């Protein structure tokens, strides 16, 4: 694609930035809208739009057209991840939430893994019916995505208090509603000045958003072709440098499940231990990559083991659902803010630290990742302290 579209310098980064701007703009409005409309209508409609815009990419003839489409693709995509995490938080108890949230997140890593295999396979379609390999990738993306998006209109269950899912019985719905009542998970309420003031004067939105900024940007290498470009420079074939990095995605999937089950069982519902472990490991790995002059075997190890850092997204959202369980609108706003502000940084930070002209060495990128890893571990410990103090105050009020 880079050669066919005559993309030079950092234009690939600018394309990603256009997507990120659209993604950022849409997230919080979308999550707020989900507290007022049926998710089974809004999310599938946006996903159908995404599929149509994706296939239009094959008709682009210059980079400016790519920029415009990438912006609107990001806008359409902004509804999905934070919206689905919000829905998950409406159905599951604390002892179930991390597993479900992480299982959903791992699907994204599985998708990244198979996209590498798909790219390797689609590369062989180059020239069929006059389409280039990268054009076939967008065609296949749409063919896979559009039917699933349409199915969402019929299978997405909304949230327990308003669900009309045909595949749930009245008893199922009543049980789901009762479970959330026992969990203390609040139902929908109107947005009021008092509610808005409470949300923005609480530590919840700021600390949880900071945590996700550190996580999301702290594993930024996984959204960059650093591993691929290093393999390409080492003389690996197209198939090899598209396939080998999928091992990192596989590691992310496995560690996501390990983090979820250990958090719910071994750590008895605590979310911070896997997050601190992930941050500590990232410090070691990115310090090694920043040094760069290391053995090829350890460089392979670093590029693969960064997958350990990508598996905690579901834990951060599970933690947010638990901390904000008393206010449905706060929960929607906070989870939307977490993802949105993380991608605000993604809109400009990669242009500074992941410059293609510095690939695959990326001296600024790896050093920045070290600071994000420290910030993530430190913020998780701060949230642990603040939440325990908050729970202690709630317990002491009735006693007083």
Foldseek 3Di string as FASTA:
>chain_A
DCVQQVPDWCLVLLLVLLLLQLLLVQQLVLLLVLLPDFPLPLLLVLLLVLLVLLLCVQVDNHSVVSSVSSNSNSNSCNNPLLVVLLQLLQFDALLCQLQVLLLVVLVVLVVLQVLLVVLLVLCVVACPVHGGSVSVSSVVVSVVRNVVSVCSNQAVQGGLVDGPRPPADPVRSVVRVVVLVVRLFDGRDDDDPVNVVVLVVDCLLVLLLLLLLLLLLLLVVLVPLQQLVVVVVVPDDPSVSSNLLSLLSVLLSVLLNVLSNCCSPVVVSQLQPLQLVLLVVLLVLLVVLLVVPDDPVVVSVSSNVNSSSNRSPSSSLSVLSSLPRNHSSSNSNSSSSSVSVSSVCVSPVCVPQVTPVCGNSSNSSSVVSNVSSVSNSVSSVVVVVVSVVVVVVVVVVVVD
